[in-house]
Amino acid sequence: MTWIAIFATAAACFALKLAGWSLPARLLERKRLQRAAALLPLVLLAALVVVQTFSAGRSIAVDARAAGLAAAGLAVLRRAPFIVVVAVAAATAALVRAAT
């Protein structure tokens, strides 16, 4: 049963890719579609961050990860380099976990 699901998913991904290549160029040149396509990776990454930060199994959890995310957000607002943002988030999460 698992192999059937894997092959069905692979076929669906191939069909989706083929459908994208089959679109006429005039549809892809629309400004609105180009803006939406440019924002799509950002939206997907934000959704992944939220799911990983606020989920614990099948429930919602607010713990040290949320504090780390908030600290990282503040560091980004202060225009800190990426490595500093990561270090601030990790240090904040570690401190909150040590305190609780």
N, C-alpha and C. Protein backbone atom coordinates (compact mmCIF):
# COMPACT_ATOMS: atom_id res chain seq x y z
N MET A 1 0.81 -1.19 0.00
CA MET A 1 0.00 0.00 0.00
C MET A 1 0.86 1.26 0.00
N THR A 2 1.99 1.22 0.72
CA THR A 2 2.86 2.39 0.78
C THR A 2 3.46 2.71 -0.59
N TRP A 3 3.87 1.67 -1.32
CA TRP A 3 4.47 1.90 -2.64
C TRP A 3 3.45 2.48 -3.61
N ILE A 4 2.21 2.07 -3.47
CA ILE A 4 1.17 2.63 -4.34
C ILE A 4 1.02 4.13 -4.07
N ALA A 5 1.04 4.52 -2.81
CA ALA A 5 0.94 5.93 -2.46
C ALA A 5 2.14 6.71 -2.98
N ILE A 6 3.33 6.13 -2.88
CA ILE A 6 4.55 6.81 -3.36
C ILE A 6 4.48 7.01 -4.87
N PHE A 7 4.10 5.96 -5.60
CA PHE A 7 4.02 6.08 -7.05
C PHE A 7 2.90 7.03 -7.48
N ALA A 8 1.79 7.01 -6.77
CA ALA A 8 0.69 7.93 -7.10
C ALA A 8 1.10 9.38 -6.85
N THR A 9 1.82 9.62 -5.77
CA THR A 9 2.30 10.97 -5.48
C THR A 9 3.32 11.42 -6.53
N ALA A 10 4.22 10.53 -6.92
CA ALA A 10 5.20 10.87 -7.95
C ALA A 10 4.50 11.19 -9.27
N ALA A 11 3.49 10.41 -9.63
CA ALA A 11 2.75 10.66 -10.87
C ALA A 11 2.01 12.00 -10.80
N ALA A 12 1.43 12.30 -9.66
CA ALA A 12 0.73 13.57 -9.51
C ALA A 12 1.69 14.75 -9.60
N CYS A 13 2.87 14.62 -9.01
CA CYS A 13 3.88 15.69 -9.10
C CYS A 13 4.33 15.88 -10.55
N PHE A 14 4.54 14.78 -11.26
CA PHE A 14 4.94 14.87 -12.66
C PHE A 14 3.85 15.53 -13.49
N ALA A 15 2.60 15.17 -13.24
CA ALA A 15 1.49 15.76 -13.99
C ALA A 15 1.36 17.25 -13.70
N LEU A 16 1.58 17.64 -12.45
CA LEU A 16 1.53 19.06 -12.10
C LEU A 16 2.65 19.83 -12.80
N LYS A 17 3.84 19.25 -12.82
CA LYS A 17 4.97 19.89 -13.50
C LYS A 17 4.69 20.00 -15.00
N LEU A 18 4.15 18.97 -15.59
CA LEU A 18 3.81 18.98 -17.01
C LEU A 18 2.74 20.02 -17.31
N ALA A 19 1.78 20.16 -16.42
CA ALA A 19 0.73 21.17 -16.62
C ALA A 19 1.33 22.57 -16.59
N GLY A 20 2.32 22.79 -15.73
CA GLY A 20 2.98 24.09 -15.68
C GLY A 20 3.72 24.41 -16.96
N TRP A 21 4.38 23.42 -17.53
CA TRP A 21 5.11 23.63 -18.78
C TRP A 21 4.16 23.80 -19.97
N SER A 22 2.93 23.32 -19.81
CA SER A 22 1.97 23.39 -20.91
C SER A 22 1.23 24.72 -21.00
N LEU A 23 1.36 25.56 -19.98
CA LEU A 23 0.67 26.85 -19.99
C LEU A 23 1.24 27.77 -21.08
N PRO A 24 0.37 28.53 -21.73
CA PRO A 24 0.86 29.48 -22.73
C PRO A 24 1.68 30.60 -22.05
N ALA A 25 2.66 31.12 -22.77
CA ALA A 25 3.55 32.14 -22.21
C ALA A 25 2.79 33.42 -21.85
N ARG A 26 1.73 33.73 -22.56
CA ARG A 26 1.00 34.96 -22.28
C ARG A 26 0.35 34.92 -20.90
N LEU A 27 0.00 33.75 -20.40
CA LEU A 27 -0.56 33.65 -19.05
C LEU A 27 0.50 33.90 -17.98
N LEU A 28 1.71 33.47 -18.27
CA LEU A 28 2.79 33.60 -17.29
C LEU A 28 3.39 34.99 -17.25
N GLU A 29 3.08 35.82 -18.23
CA GLU A 29 3.65 37.17 -18.30
C GLU A 29 2.82 38.21 -17.56
N ARG A 30 1.72 37.81 -16.97
CA ARG A 30 0.88 38.75 -16.23
C ARG A 30 1.60 39.20 -14.96
N LYS A 31 1.55 40.50 -14.70
CA LYS A 31 2.24 41.07 -13.53
C LYS A 31 1.69 40.52 -12.22
N ARG A 32 0.39 40.36 -12.15
CA ARG A 32 -0.23 39.87 -10.92
C ARG A 32 0.25 38.46 -10.59
N LEU A 33 0.34 37.61 -11.60
CA LEU A 33 0.81 36.25 -11.39
C LEU A 33 2.29 36.24 -11.00
N GLN A 34 3.09 37.10 -11.59
CA GLN A 34 4.52 37.16 -11.25
C GLN A 34 4.72 37.63 -9.81
N ARG A 35 3.92 38.60 -9.36
CA ARG A 35 4.02 39.05 -7.96
C ARG A 35 3.62 37.95 -7.00
N ALA A 36 2.56 37.22 -7.32
CA ALA A 36 2.12 36.13 -6.46
C ALA A 36 3.17 35.02 -6.42
N ALA A 37 3.76 34.70 -7.55
CA ALA A 37 4.78 33.66 -7.59
C ALA A 37 6.04 34.07 -6.83
N ALA A 38 6.34 35.36 -6.82
CA ALA A 38 7.52 35.83 -6.09
C ALA A 38 7.30 35.74 -4.58
N LEU A 39 6.07 35.91 -4.12
CA LEU A 39 5.77 35.87 -2.69
C LEU A 39 5.51 34.45 -2.17
N LEU A 40 5.28 33.51 -3.04
CA LEU A 40 4.93 32.16 -2.62
C LEU A 40 5.98 31.49 -1.74
N PRO A 41 7.28 31.54 -2.05
CA PRO A 41 8.27 30.92 -1.16
C PRO A 41 8.28 31.53 0.24
N LEU A 42 8.09 32.82 0.33
CA LEU A 42 8.05 33.49 1.63
C LEU A 42 6.87 33.01 2.46
N VAL A 43 5.72 32.87 1.83
CA VAL A 43 4.53 32.42 2.54
C VAL A 43 4.69 30.98 3.00
N LEU A 44 5.24 30.13 2.15
CA LEU A 44 5.43 28.73 2.54
C LEU A 44 6.43 28.60 3.68
N LEU A 45 7.51 29.37 3.64
CA LEU A 45 8.49 29.33 4.72
C LEU A 45 7.88 29.82 6.03
N ALA A 46 7.09 30.89 5.97
CA ALA A 46 6.44 31.40 7.17
C ALA A 46 5.48 30.36 7.75
N ALA A 47 4.75 29.68 6.91
CA ALA A 47 3.83 28.64 7.38
C ALA A 47 4.59 27.50 8.05
N LEU A 48 5.71 27.09 7.47
CA LEU A 48 6.51 26.03 8.08
C LEU A 48 7.06 26.45 9.43
N VAL A 49 7.51 27.69 9.55
CA VAL A 49 8.05 28.19 10.82
C VAL A 49 6.96 28.18 11.89
N VAL A 50 5.78 28.64 11.54
CA VAL A 50 4.68 28.68 12.50
C VAL A 50 4.28 27.28 12.95
N VAL A 51 4.19 26.36 12.02
CA VAL A 51 3.81 24.99 12.38
C VAL A 51 4.87 24.36 13.28
N GLN A 52 6.14 24.53 12.95
CA GLN A 52 7.20 23.94 13.76
C GLN A 52 7.33 24.61 15.13
N THR A 53 6.99 25.88 15.22
CA THR A 53 7.13 26.61 16.48
C THR A 53 5.99 26.34 17.44
N PHE A 54 4.78 26.30 16.96
CA PHE A 54 3.62 26.23 17.84
C PHE A 54 2.92 24.88 17.86
N SER A 55 3.57 23.82 17.40
CA SER A 55 2.92 22.51 17.45
C SER A 55 3.74 21.55 18.29
N ALA A 56 3.00 20.71 19.01
CA ALA A 56 3.60 19.63 19.79
C ALA A 56 2.72 18.41 19.56
N GLY A 57 3.12 17.60 18.60
CA GLY A 57 2.27 16.46 18.24
C GLY A 57 1.03 16.95 17.53
N ARG A 58 -0.12 16.70 18.16
CA ARG A 58 -1.39 17.11 17.56
C ARG A 58 -2.03 18.27 18.32
N SER A 59 -1.24 18.98 19.14
CA SER A 59 -1.79 20.08 19.92
C SER A 59 -0.93 21.33 19.74
N ILE A 60 -1.47 22.44 20.19
CA ILE A 60 -0.76 23.72 20.11
C ILE A 60 0.04 23.91 21.39
N ALA A 61 1.28 24.35 21.25
CA ALA A 61 2.13 24.56 22.43
C ALA A 61 2.85 25.90 22.29
N VAL A 62 2.84 26.65 23.38
CA VAL A 62 3.63 27.88 23.44
C VAL A 62 4.71 27.63 24.47
N ASP A 63 5.94 27.51 24.00
CA ASP A 63 7.05 27.17 24.89
C ASP A 63 8.27 28.00 24.52
N ALA A 64 9.44 27.47 24.79
CA ALA A 64 10.69 28.20 24.55
C ALA A 64 10.89 28.51 23.07
N ARG A 65 10.34 27.69 22.21
CA ARG A 65 10.48 27.96 20.77
C ARG A 65 9.81 29.27 20.38
N ALA A 66 8.66 29.56 21.00
CA ALA A 66 7.97 30.82 20.71
C ALA A 66 8.80 32.01 21.17
N ALA A 67 9.44 31.89 22.33
CA ALA A 67 10.31 32.97 22.81
C ALA A 67 11.50 33.16 21.87
N GLY A 68 12.06 32.06 21.39
CA GLY A 68 13.16 32.15 20.43
C GLY A 68 12.74 32.81 19.13
N LEU A 69 11.55 32.48 18.66
CA LEU A 69 11.04 33.09 17.44
C LEU A 69 10.81 34.59 17.63
N ALA A 70 10.27 34.96 18.78
CA ALA A 70 10.06 36.38 19.06
C ALA A 70 11.39 37.13 19.12
N ALA A 71 12.38 36.54 19.77
CA ALA A 71 13.70 37.18 19.84
C ALA A 71 14.33 37.29 18.45
N ALA A 72 14.15 36.26 17.63
CA ALA A 72 14.67 36.31 16.26
C ALA A 72 13.98 37.41 15.46
N GLY A 73 12.67 37.56 15.66
CA GLY A 73 11.94 38.62 14.98
C GLY A 73 12.45 40.00 15.36
N LEU A 74 12.74 40.18 16.64
CA LEU A 74 13.30 41.46 17.07
C LEU A 74 14.68 41.70 16.47
N ALA A 75 15.49 40.64 16.40
CA ALA A 75 16.82 40.78 15.80
C ALA A 75 16.72 41.14 14.32
N VAL A 76 15.76 40.55 13.63
CA VAL A 76 15.56 40.88 12.21
C VAL A 76 15.12 42.33 12.06
N LEU A 77 14.23 42.78 12.96
CA LEU A 77 13.81 44.18 12.90
C LEU A 77 14.97 45.14 13.14
N ARG A 78 15.95 44.71 13.92
CA ARG A 78 17.14 45.53 14.18
C ARG A 78 18.18 45.37 13.07
N ARG A 79 17.82 44.59 12.04
CA ARG A 79 18.68 44.36 10.86
C ARG A 79 20.00 43.68 11.23
N ALA A 80 19.92 42.71 12.11
CA ALA A 80 21.10 41.94 12.49
C ALA A 80 21.44 40.95 11.38
N PRO A 81 22.72 40.57 11.26
CA PRO A 81 23.08 39.54 10.28
C PRO A 81 22.41 38.20 10.61
N PHE A 82 22.29 37.36 9.60
CA PHE A 82 21.57 36.10 9.76
C PHE A 82 22.15 35.25 10.89
N ILE A 83 23.45 35.14 10.97
CA ILE A 83 24.05 34.30 12.01
C ILE A 83 23.75 34.84 13.40
N VAL A 84 23.65 36.15 13.53
CA VAL A 84 23.29 36.76 14.82
C VAL A 84 21.83 36.45 15.14
N VAL A 85 20.96 36.49 14.16
CA VAL A 85 19.55 36.17 14.37
C VAL A 85 19.41 34.73 14.87
N VAL A 86 20.13 33.82 14.25
CA VAL A 86 20.08 32.42 14.67
C VAL A 86 20.63 32.26 16.08
N ALA A 87 21.73 32.92 16.38
CA ALA A 87 22.34 32.81 17.71
C ALA A 87 21.43 33.40 18.78
N VAL A 88 20.80 34.52 18.49
CA VAL A 88 19.88 35.14 19.46
C VAL A 88 18.69 34.22 19.71
N ALA A 89 18.14 33.64 18.67
CA ALA A 89 17.00 32.74 18.82
C ALA A 89 17.39 31.51 19.64
N ALA A 90 18.53 30.93 19.33
CA ALA A 90 18.97 29.73 20.06
C ALA A 90 19.26 30.05 21.53
N ALA A 91 19.94 31.16 21.77
CA ALA A 91 20.26 31.54 23.15
C ALA A 91 18.99 31.84 23.95
N THR A 92 18.04 32.52 23.35
CA THR A 92 16.79 32.83 24.04
C THR A 92 16.02 31.56 24.37
N ALA A 93 15.92 30.66 23.42
CA ALA A 93 15.21 29.40 23.67
C ALA A 93 15.91 28.59 24.76
N ALA A 94 17.23 28.56 24.74
CA ALA A 94 17.98 27.83 25.77
C ALA A 94 17.79 28.45 27.14
N LEU A 95 17.80 29.77 27.22
CA LEU A 95 17.60 30.43 28.51
C LEU A 95 16.19 30.19 29.05
N VAL A 96 15.20 30.24 28.19
CA VAL A 96 13.82 30.00 28.64
C VAL A 96 13.66 28.55 29.09
N ARG A 97 14.25 27.62 28.37
CA ARG A 97 14.17 26.21 28.79
C ARG A 97 14.89 25.97 30.09
N ALA A 98 16.03 26.64 30.31
CA ALA A 98 16.76 26.49 31.56
C ALA A 98 15.99 27.09 32.73
N ALA A 99 15.24 28.15 32.47
CA ALA A 99 14.51 28.83 33.53
C ALA A 99 13.21 28.09 33.91
N THR A 100 12.69 27.28 33.01
CA THR A 100 11.43 26.59 33.31
C THR A 100 11.63 25.13 33.62
